[in-house]
Amino acid sequence: MGDKMIIDSVIRNEALRNNQMIEQYEKRIDGLPKGTLILRKNEYYYLKYRNQDGKVCDDYIGKESEKVADIREKLEQRKHYEKMLAALRQEQKTIQKILEGLK
């Protein structure tokens, strides 16, 4: 009976840690731009994304510059965070199944 309680405690702590990490990644993702950088006529960059209404928007960024490099880096960060968030959510599902099995 004692081993089951220890395992239950460890899994619950892991679930709590996962929830905290999910919240942190969601906050980080909200602060980053979404979409894709599009190069038109080999000179001008646009940020293409969908707004809250689901409409496709193009924001003019300009020619190759620090701003373009900064947005490109932020988009890569967002993609990385989204992958991490998906993995955490999958792990959370697994933890919930384990917790249900321990009841």
PDB file of N, CA and C in Angstrom:
ATOM      1  N   MET A   1       0.826  -1.196   0.000  1.00  0.00           N
ATOM      2  CA  MET A   1       0.000   0.000   0.000  1.00  0.00           C
ATOM      3  C   MET A   1       0.867   1.254   0.000  1.00  0.00           C
ATOM      4  N   GLY A   2       2.016   1.224   0.704  1.00  0.00           N
ATOM      5  CA  GLY A   2       2.903   2.374   0.787  1.00  0.00           C
ATOM      6  C   GLY A   2       3.530   2.726  -0.548  1.00  0.00           C
ATOM      7  N   ASP A   3       3.916   1.706  -1.324  1.00  0.00           N
ATOM      8  CA  ASP A   3       4.517   1.944  -2.634  1.00  0.00           C
ATOM      9  C   ASP A   3       3.528   2.626  -3.570  1.00  0.00           C
ATOM     10  N   LYS A   4       2.270   2.211  -3.493  1.00  0.00           N
ATOM     11  CA  LYS A   4       1.240   2.791  -4.348  1.00  0.00           C
ATOM     12  C   LYS A   4       1.060   4.275  -4.026  1.00  0.00           C
ATOM     13  N   MET A   5       1.139   4.621  -2.744  1.00  0.00           N
ATOM     14  CA  MET A   5       0.988   6.019  -2.340  1.00  0.00           C
ATOM     15  C   MET A   5       2.171   6.858  -2.828  1.00  0.00           C
ATOM     16  N   ILE A   6       3.363   6.283  -2.783  1.00  0.00           N
ATOM     17  CA  ILE A   6       4.555   7.000  -3.251  1.00  0.00           C
ATOM     18  C   ILE A   6       4.465   7.238  -4.755  1.00  0.00           C
ATOM     19  N   ILE A   7       4.094   6.207  -5.490  1.00  0.00           N
ATOM     20  CA  ILE A   7       3.949   6.329  -6.944  1.00  0.00           C
ATOM     21  C   ILE A   7       2.884   7.366  -7.274  1.00  0.00           C
ATOM     22  N   ASP A   8       1.763   7.305  -6.560  1.00  0.00           N
ATOM     23  CA  ASP A   8       0.672   8.260  -6.768  1.00  0.00           C
ATOM     24  C   ASP A   8       1.162   9.686  -6.523  1.00  0.00           C
ATOM     25  N   SER A   9       1.928   9.876  -5.460  1.00  0.00           N
ATOM     26  CA  SER A   9       2.455  11.202  -5.119  1.00  0.00           C
ATOM     27  C   SER A   9       3.403  11.715  -6.204  1.00  0.00           C
ATOM     28  N   VAL A  10       4.287  10.862  -6.676  1.00  0.00           N
ATOM     29  CA  VAL A  10       5.246  11.248  -7.718  1.00  0.00           C
ATOM     30  C   VAL A  10       4.510  11.627  -9.002  1.00  0.00           C
ATOM     31  N   ILE A  11       3.524  10.845  -9.373  1.00  0.00           N
ATOM     32  CA  ILE A  11       2.778  11.112 -10.607  1.00  0.00           C
ATOM     33  C   ILE A  11       1.974  12.400 -10.474  1.00  0.00           C
ATOM     34  N   ARG A  12       1.382  12.641  -9.311  1.00  0.00           N
ATOM     35  CA  ARG A  12       0.634  13.892  -9.098  1.00  0.00           C
ATOM     36  C   ARG A  12       1.570  15.105  -9.162  1.00  0.00           C
ATOM     37  N   ASN A  13       2.766  14.975  -8.600  1.00  0.00           N
ATOM     38  CA  ASN A  13       3.745  16.065  -8.688  1.00  0.00           C
ATOM     39  C   ASN A  13       4.141  16.326 -10.139  1.00  0.00           C
ATOM     40  N   GLU A  14       4.299  15.264 -10.898  1.00  0.00           N
ATOM     41  CA  GLU A  14       4.640  15.398 -12.317  1.00  0.00           C
ATOM     42  C   GLU A  14       3.503  16.081 -13.078  1.00  0.00           C
ATOM     43  N   ALA A  15       2.261  15.727 -12.748  1.00  0.00           N
ATOM     44  CA  ALA A  15       1.104  16.360 -13.386  1.00  0.00           C
ATOM     45  C   ALA A  15       1.071  17.852 -13.072  1.00  0.00           C
ATOM     46  N   LEU A  16       1.362  18.204 -11.830  1.00  0.00           N
ATOM     47  CA  LEU A  16       1.386  19.607 -11.422  1.00  0.00           C
ATOM     48  C   LEU A  16       2.492  20.364 -12.161  1.00  0.00           C
ATOM     49  N   ARG A  17       3.668  19.762 -12.252  1.00  0.00           N
ATOM     50  CA  ARG A  17       4.789  20.380 -12.965  1.00  0.00           C
ATOM     51  C   ARG A  17       4.450  20.574 -14.442  1.00  0.00           C
ATOM     52  N   ASN A  18       3.812  19.568 -15.028  1.00  0.00           N
ATOM     53  CA  ASN A  18       3.407  19.665 -16.434  1.00  0.00           C
ATOM     54  C   ASN A  18       2.434  20.818 -16.645  1.00  0.00           C
ATOM     55  N   ASN A  19       1.448  20.941 -15.758  1.00  0.00           N
ATOM     56  CA  ASN A  19       0.476  22.028 -15.881  1.00  0.00           C
ATOM     57  C   ASN A  19       1.161  23.388 -15.816  1.00  0.00           C
ATOM     58  N   GLN A  20       2.120  23.530 -14.915  1.00  0.00           N
ATOM     59  CA  GLN A  20       2.847  24.792 -14.794  1.00  0.00           C
ATOM     60  C   GLN A  20       3.645  25.081 -16.063  1.00  0.00           C
ATOM     61  N   MET A  21       4.288  24.064 -16.601  1.00  0.00           N
ATOM     62  CA  MET A  21       5.071  24.252 -17.822  1.00  0.00           C
ATOM     63  C   MET A  21       4.169  24.582 -19.008  1.00  0.00           C
ATOM     64  N   ILE A  22       3.001  23.944 -19.077  1.00  0.00           N
ATOM     65  CA  ILE A  22       2.046  24.235 -20.148  1.00  0.00           C
ATOM     66  C   ILE A  22       1.637  25.702 -20.085  1.00  0.00           C
ATOM     67  N   GLU A  23       1.330  26.202 -18.889  1.00  0.00           N
ATOM     68  CA  GLU A  23       0.954  27.609 -18.727  1.00  0.00           C
ATOM     69  C   GLU A  23       2.087  28.530 -19.166  1.00  0.00           C
ATOM     70  N   GLN A  24       3.322  28.196 -18.788  1.00  0.00           N
ATOM     71  CA  GLN A  24       4.468  29.027 -19.162  1.00  0.00           C
ATOM     72  C   GLN A  24       4.656  29.065 -20.677  1.00  0.00           C
ATOM     73  N   TYR A  25       4.560  27.909 -21.332  1.00  0.00           N
ATOM     74  CA  TYR A  25       4.717  27.871 -22.788  1.00  0.00           C
ATOM     75  C   TYR A  25       3.595  28.636 -23.475  1.00  0.00           C
ATOM     76  N   GLU A  26       2.360  28.518 -22.976  1.00  0.00           N
ATOM     77  CA  GLU A  26       1.245  29.251 -23.577  1.00  0.00           C
ATOM     78  C   GLU A  26       1.472  30.758 -23.478  1.00  0.00           C
ATOM     79  N   LYS A  27       1.977  31.228 -22.335  1.00  0.00           N
ATOM     80  CA  LYS A  27       2.268  32.660 -22.177  1.00  0.00           C
ATOM     81  C   LYS A  27       3.361  33.098 -23.143  1.00  0.00           C
ATOM     82  N   ARG A  28       4.405  32.283 -23.280  1.00  0.00           N
ATOM     83  CA  ARG A  28       5.496  32.624 -24.198  1.00  0.00           C
ATOM     84  C   ARG A  28       4.997  32.671 -25.637  1.00  0.00           C
ATOM     85  N   ILE A  29       4.171  31.701 -26.006  1.00  0.00           N
ATOM     86  CA  ILE A  29       3.643  31.644 -27.370  1.00  0.00           C
ATOM     87  C   ILE A  29       2.769  32.857 -27.658  1.00  0.00           C
ATOM     88  N   ASP A  30       1.960  33.280 -26.684  1.00  0.00           N
ATOM     89  CA  ASP A  30       1.092  34.439 -26.881  1.00  0.00           C
ATOM     90  C   ASP A  30       1.888  35.710 -27.170  1.00  0.00           C
ATOM     91  N   GLY A  31       3.113  35.790 -26.658  1.00  0.00           N
ATOM     92  CA  GLY A  31       3.936  36.973 -26.863  1.00  0.00           C
ATOM     93  C   GLY A  31       4.720  36.978 -28.162  1.00  0.00           C
ATOM     94  N   LEU A  32       4.631  35.907 -28.926  1.00  0.00           N
ATOM     95  CA  LEU A  32       5.398  35.800 -30.169  1.00  0.00           C
ATOM     96  C   LEU A  32       4.481  35.928 -31.380  1.00  0.00           C
ATOM     97  N   PRO A  33       5.020  36.429 -32.510  1.00  0.00           N
ATOM     98  CA  PRO A  33       4.196  36.540 -33.718  1.00  0.00           C
ATOM     99  C   PRO A  33       3.876  35.163 -34.284  1.00  0.00           C
ATOM    100  N   LYS A  34       2.741  35.088 -34.976  1.00  0.00           N
ATOM    101  CA  LYS A  34       2.389  33.834 -35.638  1.00  0.00           C
ATOM    102  C   LYS A  34       2.366  34.078 -37.138  1.00  0.00           C
ATOM    103  N   GLY A  35       2.471  33.012 -37.893  1.00  0.00           N
ATOM    104  CA  GLY A  35       2.411  33.140 -39.337  1.00  0.00           C
ATOM    105  C   GLY A  35       3.691  32.698 -40.018  1.00  0.00           C
ATOM    106  N   THR A  36       3.870  33.208 -41.234  1.00  0.00           N
ATOM    107  CA  THR A  36       4.999  32.834 -42.071  1.00  0.00           C
ATOM    108  C   THR A  36       5.548  34.074 -42.765  1.00  0.00           C
ATOM    109  N   LEU A  37       6.861  34.138 -42.886  1.00  0.00           N
ATOM    110  CA  LEU A  37       7.470  35.222 -43.658  1.00  0.00           C
ATOM    111  C   LEU A  37       7.405  34.870 -45.138  1.00  0.00           C
ATOM    112  N   ILE A  38       6.918  35.809 -45.931  1.00  0.00           N
ATOM    113  CA  ILE A  38       6.790  35.622 -47.374  1.00  0.00           C
ATOM    114  C   ILE A  38       7.655  36.670 -48.069  1.00  0.00           C
ATOM    115  N   LEU A  39       8.447  36.230 -49.039  1.00  0.00           N
ATOM    116  CA  LEU A  39       9.282  37.140 -49.827  1.00  0.00           C
ATOM    117  C   LEU A  39       8.598  37.366 -51.168  1.00  0.00           C
ATOM    118  N   ARG A  40       8.354  38.627 -51.487  1.00  0.00           N
ATOM    119  CA  ARG A  40       7.716  38.956 -52.762  1.00  0.00           C
ATOM    120  C   ARG A  40       8.684  39.746 -53.639  1.00  0.00           C
ATOM    121  N   LYS A  41       8.709  39.395 -54.877  1.00  0.00           N
ATOM    122  CA  LYS A  41       9.552  40.056 -55.883  1.00  0.00           C
ATOM    123  C   LYS A  41      11.013  40.108 -55.451  1.00  0.00           C
ATOM    124  N   ASN A  42      11.448  39.090 -54.727  1.00  0.00           N
ATOM    125  CA  ASN A  42      12.840  38.970 -54.283  1.00  0.00           C
ATOM    126  C   ASN A  42      13.360  40.189 -53.517  1.00  0.00           C
ATOM    127  N   GLU A  43      12.452  40.993 -52.947  1.00  0.00           N
ATOM    128  CA  GLU A  43      12.914  42.173 -52.227  1.00  0.00           C
ATOM    129  C   GLU A  43      12.168  42.420 -50.926  1.00  0.00           C
ATOM    130  N   TYR A  44      10.862  42.287 -50.940  1.00  0.00           N
ATOM    131  CA  TYR A  44      10.050  42.744 -49.820  1.00  0.00           C
ATOM    132  C   TYR A  44       9.455  41.581 -49.033  1.00  0.00           C
ATOM    133  N   TYR A  45       9.561  41.670 -47.715  1.00  0.00           N
ATOM    134  CA  TYR A  45       9.034  40.631 -46.840  1.00  0.00           C
ATOM    135  C   TYR A  45       7.684  41.042 -46.270  1.00  0.00           C
ATOM    136  N   TYR A  46       6.809  40.046 -46.178  1.00  0.00           N
ATOM    137  CA  TYR A  46       5.499  40.219 -45.558  1.00  0.00           C
ATOM    138  C   TYR A  46       5.312  39.103 -44.540  1.00  0.00           C
ATOM    139  N   LEU A  47       4.605  39.411 -43.467  1.00  0.00           N
ATOM    140  CA  LEU A  47       4.241  38.399 -42.480  1.00  0.00           C
ATOM    141  C   LEU A  47       2.803  38.000 -42.762  1.00  0.00           C
ATOM    142  N   LYS A  48       2.607  36.744 -43.150  1.00  0.00           N
ATOM    143  CA  LYS A  48       1.275  36.239 -43.489  1.00  0.00           C
ATOM    144  C   LYS A  48       0.764  35.409 -42.322  1.00  0.00           C
ATOM    145  N   TYR A  49      -0.463  35.713 -41.868  1.00  0.00           N
ATOM    146  CA  TYR A  49      -1.062  35.006 -40.730  1.00  0.00           C
ATOM    147  C   TYR A  49      -2.580  35.124 -40.792  1.00  0.00           C
ATOM    148  N   ARG A  50      -3.252  34.380 -39.934  1.00  0.00           N
ATOM    149  CA  ARG A  50      -4.713  34.480 -39.811  1.00  0.00           C
ATOM    150  C   ARG A  50      -5.039  35.271 -38.555  1.00  0.00           C
ATOM    151  N   ASN A  51      -5.985  36.222 -38.676  1.00  0.00           N
ATOM    152  CA  ASN A  51      -6.394  36.989 -37.505  1.00  0.00           C
ATOM    153  C   ASN A  51      -7.460  36.222 -36.717  1.00  0.00           C
ATOM    154  N   GLN A  52      -8.036  36.868 -35.684  1.00  0.00           N
ATOM    155  CA  GLN A  52      -9.017  36.195 -34.830  1.00  0.00           C
ATOM    156  C   GLN A  52     -10.267  35.768 -35.597  1.00  0.00           C
ATOM    157  N   ASP A  53     -10.590  36.476 -36.677  1.00  0.00           N
ATOM    158  CA  ASP A  53     -11.769  36.142 -37.482  1.00  0.00           C
ATOM    159  C   ASP A  53     -11.501  35.035 -38.489  1.00  0.00           C
ATOM    160  N   GLY A  54     -10.246  34.599 -38.585  1.00  0.00           N
ATOM    161  CA  GLY A  54      -9.891  33.546 -39.523  1.00  0.00           C
ATOM    162  C   GLY A  54      -9.490  34.069 -40.892  1.00  0.00           C
ATOM    163  N   LYS A  55      -9.448  35.392 -41.043  1.00  0.00           N
ATOM    164  CA  LYS A  55      -9.063  35.976 -42.325  1.00  0.00           C
ATOM    165  C   LYS A  55      -7.542  36.011 -42.446  1.00  0.00           C
ATOM    166  N   VAL A  56      -7.060  35.796 -43.675  1.00  0.00           N
ATOM    167  CA  VAL A  56      -5.623  35.835 -43.937  1.00  0.00           C
ATOM    168  C   VAL A  56      -5.192  37.296 -44.057  1.00  0.00           C
ATOM    169  N   CYS A  57      -4.145  37.651 -43.322  1.00  0.00           N
ATOM    170  CA  CYS A  57      -3.617  39.018 -43.334  1.00  0.00           C
ATOM    171  C   CYS A  57      -2.156  38.992 -43.755  1.00  0.00           C
ATOM    172  N   ASP A  58      -1.747  40.054 -44.437  1.00  0.00           N
ATOM    173  CA  ASP A  58      -0.347  40.248 -44.811  1.00  0.00           C
ATOM    174  C   ASP A  58       0.112  41.567 -44.209  1.00  0.00           C
ATOM    175  N   ASP A  59       1.130  41.523 -43.362  1.00  0.00           N
ATOM    176  CA  ASP A  59       1.718  42.742 -42.810  1.00  0.00           C
ATOM    177  C   ASP A  59       3.050  42.985 -43.499  1.00  0.00           C
ATOM    178  N   TYR A  60       3.214  44.186 -44.018  1.00  0.00           N
ATOM    179  CA  TYR A  60       4.459  44.551 -44.685  1.00  0.00           C
ATOM    180  C   TYR A  60       5.567  44.674 -43.649  1.00  0.00           C
ATOM    181  N   ILE A  61       6.702  44.027 -43.900  1.00  0.00           N
ATOM    182  CA  ILE A  61       7.845  44.086 -42.995  1.00  0.00           C
ATOM    183  C   ILE A  61       8.951  44.943 -43.599  1.00  0.00           C
ATOM    184  N   GLY A  62       9.190  44.798 -44.880  1.00  0.00           N
ATOM    185  CA  GLY A  62      10.224  45.585 -45.545  1.00  0.00           C
ATOM    186  C   GLY A  62      11.273  44.699 -46.182  1.00  0.00           C
ATOM    187  N   LYS A  63      12.376  45.330 -46.537  1.00  0.00           N
ATOM    188  CA  LYS A  63      13.482  44.586 -47.143  1.00  0.00           C
ATOM    189  C   LYS A  63      14.242  43.845 -46.062  1.00  0.00           C
ATOM    190  N   GLU A  64      15.161  42.972 -46.505  1.00  0.00           N
ATOM    191  CA  GLU A  64      15.996  42.202 -45.573  1.00  0.00           C
ATOM    192  C   GLU A  64      16.665  43.168 -44.602  1.00  0.00           C
ATOM    193  N   SER A  65      16.411  42.960 -43.319  1.00  0.00           N
ATOM    194  CA  SER A  65      16.956  43.859 -42.298  1.00  0.00           C
ATOM    195  C   SER A  65      16.986  43.137 -40.956  1.00  0.00           C
ATOM    196  N   GLU A  66      17.372  43.876 -39.915  1.00  0.00           N
ATOM    197  CA  GLU A  66      17.358  43.301 -38.568  1.00  0.00           C
ATOM    198  C   GLU A  66      15.941  42.921 -38.168  1.00  0.00           C
ATOM    199  N   LYS A  67      14.981  43.722 -38.607  1.00  0.00           N
ATOM    200  CA  LYS A  67      13.580  43.452 -38.261  1.00  0.00           C
ATOM    201  C   LYS A  67      13.134  42.107 -38.834  1.00  0.00           C
ATOM    202  N   VAL A  68      13.508  41.835 -40.067  1.00  0.00           N
ATOM    203  CA  VAL A  68      13.166  40.557 -40.704  1.00  0.00           C
ATOM    204  C   VAL A  68      13.840  39.414 -39.958  1.00  0.00           C
ATOM    205  N   ALA A  69      15.113  39.588 -39.621  1.00  0.00           N
ATOM    206  CA  ALA A  69      15.847  38.544 -38.895  1.00  0.00           C
ATOM    207  C   ALA A  69      15.227  38.309 -37.523  1.00  0.00           C
ATOM    208  N   ASP A  70      14.810  39.388 -36.856  1.00  0.00           N
ATOM    209  CA  ASP A  70      14.185  39.279 -35.538  1.00  0.00           C
ATOM    210  C   ASP A  70      12.863  38.520 -35.624  1.00  0.00           C
ATOM    211  N   ILE A  71      12.044  38.853 -36.611  1.00  0.00           N
ATOM    212  CA  ILE A  71      10.758  38.166 -36.777  1.00  0.00           C
ATOM    213  C   ILE A  71      10.984  36.700 -37.126  1.00  0.00           C
ATOM    214  N   ARG A  72      11.960  36.433 -37.996  1.00  0.00           N
ATOM    215  CA  ARG A  72      12.273  35.046 -38.372  1.00  0.00           C
ATOM    216  C   ARG A  72      12.663  34.233 -37.133  1.00  0.00           C
ATOM    217  N   GLU A  73      13.494  34.826 -36.278  1.00  0.00           N
ATOM    218  CA  GLU A  73      13.924  34.150 -35.050  1.00  0.00           C
ATOM    219  C   GLU A  73      12.737  33.903 -34.113  1.00  0.00           C
ATOM    220  N   LYS A  74      11.865  34.891 -33.990  1.00  0.00           N
ATOM    221  CA  LYS A  74      10.693  34.740 -33.118  1.00  0.00           C
ATOM    222  C   LYS A  74       9.733  33.679 -33.648  1.00  0.00           C
ATOM    223  N   LEU A  75       9.587  33.598 -34.966  1.00  0.00           N
ATOM    224  CA  LEU A  75       8.728  32.566 -35.556  1.00  0.00           C
ATOM    225  C   LEU A  75       9.296  31.173 -35.291  1.00  0.00           C
ATOM    226  N   GLU A  76      10.629  31.041 -35.379  1.00  0.00           N
ATOM    227  CA  GLU A  76      11.264  29.755 -35.081  1.00  0.00           C
ATOM    228  C   GLU A  76      11.088  29.392 -33.609  1.00  0.00           C
ATOM    229  N   GLN A  77      11.208  30.401 -32.736  1.00  0.00           N
ATOM    230  CA  GLN A  77      10.983  30.165 -31.309  1.00  0.00           C
ATOM    231  C   GLN A  77       9.563  29.686 -31.069  1.00  0.00           C
ATOM    232  N   ARG A  78       8.602  30.342 -31.716  1.00  0.00           N
ATOM    233  CA  ARG A  78       7.198  29.973 -31.550  1.00  0.00           C
ATOM    234  C   ARG A  78       6.976  28.527 -31.979  1.00  0.00           C
ATOM    235  N   LYS A  79       7.554  28.157 -33.117  1.00  0.00           N
ATOM    236  CA  LYS A  79       7.398  26.792 -33.618  1.00  0.00           C
ATOM    237  C   LYS A  79       7.973  25.785 -32.619  1.00  0.00           C
ATOM    238  N   HIS A  80       9.140  26.118 -32.049  1.00  0.00           N
ATOM    239  CA  HIS A  80       9.765  25.246 -31.049  1.00  0.00           C
ATOM    240  C   HIS A  80       8.866  25.123 -29.817  1.00  0.00           C
ATOM    241  N   TYR A  81       8.364  26.247 -29.324  1.00  0.00           N
ATOM    242  CA  TYR A  81       7.491  26.228 -28.144  1.00  0.00           C
ATOM    243  C   TYR A  81       6.212  25.437 -28.414  1.00  0.00           C
ATOM    244  N   GLU A  82       5.670  25.558 -29.618  1.00  0.00           N
ATOM    245  CA  GLU A  82       4.451  24.815 -29.951  1.00  0.00           C
ATOM    246  C   GLU A  82       4.710  23.310 -29.953  1.00  0.00           C
ATOM    247  N   LYS A  83       5.888  22.893 -30.433  1.00  0.00           N
ATOM    248  CA  LYS A  83       6.240  21.467 -30.396  1.00  0.00           C
ATOM    249  C   LYS A  83       6.372  20.987 -28.958  1.00  0.00           C
ATOM    250  N   MET A  84       7.031  21.792 -28.122  1.00  0.00           N
ATOM    251  CA  MET A  84       7.194  21.434 -26.714  1.00  0.00           C
ATOM    252  C   MET A  84       5.835  21.357 -26.017  1.00  0.00           C
ATOM    253  N   LEU A  85       4.961  22.297 -26.334  1.00  0.00           N
ATOM    254  CA  LEU A  85       3.627  22.328 -25.740  1.00  0.00           C
ATOM    255  C   LEU A  85       2.827  21.094 -26.141  1.00  0.00           C
ATOM    256  N   ALA A  86       2.922  20.696 -27.399  1.00  0.00           N
ATOM    257  CA  ALA A  86       2.218  19.496 -27.861  1.00  0.00           C
ATOM    258  C   ALA A  86       2.725  18.257 -27.128  1.00  0.00           C
ATOM    259  N   ALA A  87       4.043  18.176 -26.940  1.00  0.00           N
ATOM    260  CA  ALA A  87       4.617  17.031 -26.221  1.00  0.00           C
ATOM    261  C   ALA A  87       4.153  17.017 -24.768  1.00  0.00           C
ATOM    262  N   LEU A  88       4.108  18.189 -24.135  1.00  0.00           N
ATOM    263  CA  LEU A  88       3.649  18.268 -22.743  1.00  0.00           C
ATOM    264  C   LEU A  88       2.182  17.872 -22.617  1.00  0.00           C
ATOM    265  N   ARG A  89       1.371  18.298 -23.570  1.00  0.00           N
ATOM    266  CA  ARG A  89      -0.060  17.941 -23.525  1.00  0.00           C
ATOM    267  C   ARG A  89      -0.243  16.436 -23.702  1.00  0.00           C
ATOM    268  N   GLN A  90       0.545  15.831 -24.580  1.00  0.00           N
ATOM    269  CA  GLN A  90       0.474  14.383 -24.764  1.00  0.00           C
ATOM    270  C   GLN A  90       0.909  13.670 -23.492  1.00  0.00           C
ATOM    271  N   GLU A  91       1.965  14.169 -22.871  1.00  0.00           N
ATOM    272  CA  GLU A  91       2.448  13.593 -21.618  1.00  0.00           C
ATOM    273  C   GLU A  91       1.392  13.735 -20.521  1.00  0.00           C
ATOM    274  N   GLN A  92       0.697  14.872 -20.527  1.00  0.00           N
ATOM    275  CA  GLN A  92      -0.352  15.110 -19.530  1.00  0.00           C
ATOM    276  C   GLN A  92      -1.492  14.101 -19.700  1.00  0.00           C
ATOM    277  N   LYS A  93      -1.844  13.791 -20.935  1.00  0.00           N
ATOM    278  CA  LYS A  93      -2.882  12.781 -21.182  1.00  0.00           C
ATOM    279  C   LYS A  93      -2.457  11.429 -20.618  1.00  0.00           C
ATOM    280  N   THR A  94      -1.202  11.081 -20.847  1.00  0.00           N
ATOM    281  CA  THR A  94      -0.681   9.812 -20.334  1.00  0.00           C
ATOM    282  C   THR A  94      -0.723   9.791 -18.813  1.00  0.00           C
ATOM    283  N   ILE A  95      -0.330  10.891 -18.192  1.00  0.00           N
ATOM    284  CA  ILE A  95      -0.349  10.978 -16.726  1.00  0.00           C
ATOM    285  C   ILE A  95      -1.771  10.822 -16.200  1.00  0.00           C
ATOM    286  N   GLN A  96      -2.730  11.455 -16.864  1.00  0.00           N
ATOM    287  CA  GLN A  96      -4.126  11.346 -16.419  1.00  0.00           C
ATOM    288  C   GLN A  96      -4.622   9.904 -16.510  1.00  0.00           C
ATOM    289  N   LYS A  97      -4.236   9.200 -17.570  1.00  0.00           N
ATOM    290  CA  LYS A  97      -4.631   7.793 -17.706  1.00  0.00           C
ATOM    291  C   LYS A  97      -4.025   6.951 -16.591  1.00  0.00           C
ATOM    292  N   ILE A  98      -2.770   7.237 -16.254  1.00  0.00           N
ATOM    293  CA  ILE A  98      -2.109   6.496 -15.172  1.00  0.00           C
ATOM    294  C   ILE A  98      -2.806   6.772 -13.849  1.00  0.00           C
ATOM    295  N   LEU A  99      -3.132   8.047 -13.599  1.00  0.00           N
ATOM    296  CA  LEU A  99      -3.807   8.406 -12.345  1.00  0.00           C
ATOM    297  C   LEU A  99      -5.182   7.745 -12.243  1.00  0.00           C
ATOM    298  N   GLU A 100      -5.895   7.674 -13.364  1.00  0.00           N
ATOM    299  CA  GLU A 100      -7.198   7.001 -13.360  1.00  0.00           C
ATOM    300  C   GLU A 100      -7.035   5.517 -13.066  1.00  0.00           C
ATOM    301  N   GLY A 101      -5.958   4.928 -13.550  1.00  0.00           N
ATOM    302  CA  GLY A 101      -5.699   3.510 -13.311  1.00  0.00           C
ATOM    303  C   GLY A 101      -5.310   3.216 -11.875  1.00  0.00           C
ATOM    304  N   LEU A 102      -4.745   4.207 -11.180  1.00  0.00           N
ATOM    305  CA  LEU A 102      -4.335   4.007  -9.789  1.00  0.00           C
ATOM    306  C   LEU A 102      -5.504   4.098  -8.810  1.00  0.00           C
ATOM    307  N   LYS A 103      -6.621   4.629  -9.261  1.00  0.00           N
ATOM    308  CA  LYS A 103      -7.768   4.791  -8.348  1.00  0.00           C
ATOM    309  C   LYS A 103      -8.400   3.482  -7.982  1.00  0.00           C
TER     310      LYS A 103
END
